[in-house]
Amino acid sequence: MTNMPTQTEQARCPAESSAKSKAQILIVDDHPIVRDGIKGLFYGDPKFEVVGEAADGREAIARTEAFQPHVGLMDLRMPVLGGAEATKQIVDGNHPAKVLILTTFDTESDVLPAIEAGATGYLLKDTPGTEVKRAVQAAARGESVLSPPIARQVLGQVRHPARDTLSDREMEILALVSR
């Protein structure tokens, strides 16, 4: 699969590609084998165009600026700059690209910072390929997408927010000091 070129590595042909009909994707993951697998998922599908790849968050920001993808399919934990921070910089930079997290990490300490950074969605890497494709199309339209386990986790956080960060004793001392 490593010999499948990205669209940017090929000469563009207007008859072959229409930016309006294809979801243009930037694949961001620090593992080349994972990038190749994701690229293979979209290869040959007329609804998608992989416009580039990046191995870390810093490359993702630069390639988002250069290639202007509709969707950045971003891993979270990468060297140089992680996915949540890269997402924040892409969103804060007013790039039109939507960031869809695709990762193995499902802890609250991973999910919430990515969503707070502006990710349009959050998928786990065990998501079936057909669902990843649907999620990319939805993200390209600006819709939010969450894997079912992530949706349950986020709903749980909303329904049962974390208790105040101060212990009962700390609250008691604070009340005494404020008198």
Foldseek 3Di string as FASTA:
>chain_A
DVPDDACQVDDDDVVLDDLVQAQEEEEEAQDPVVVVVLCVLCPPPSNYGDHYYYNALVVVLVVCVVRLGQEYAAEADGPPHGDLVSLLCCVVVVRNHAYEYEYQDQDPVRPVSSVVSHHLEYHYNVDDSVVVVVCSVCVSVVHHYYDVVNVVVVVCCVVPPDDPPDDPVRVVVVVVVVD
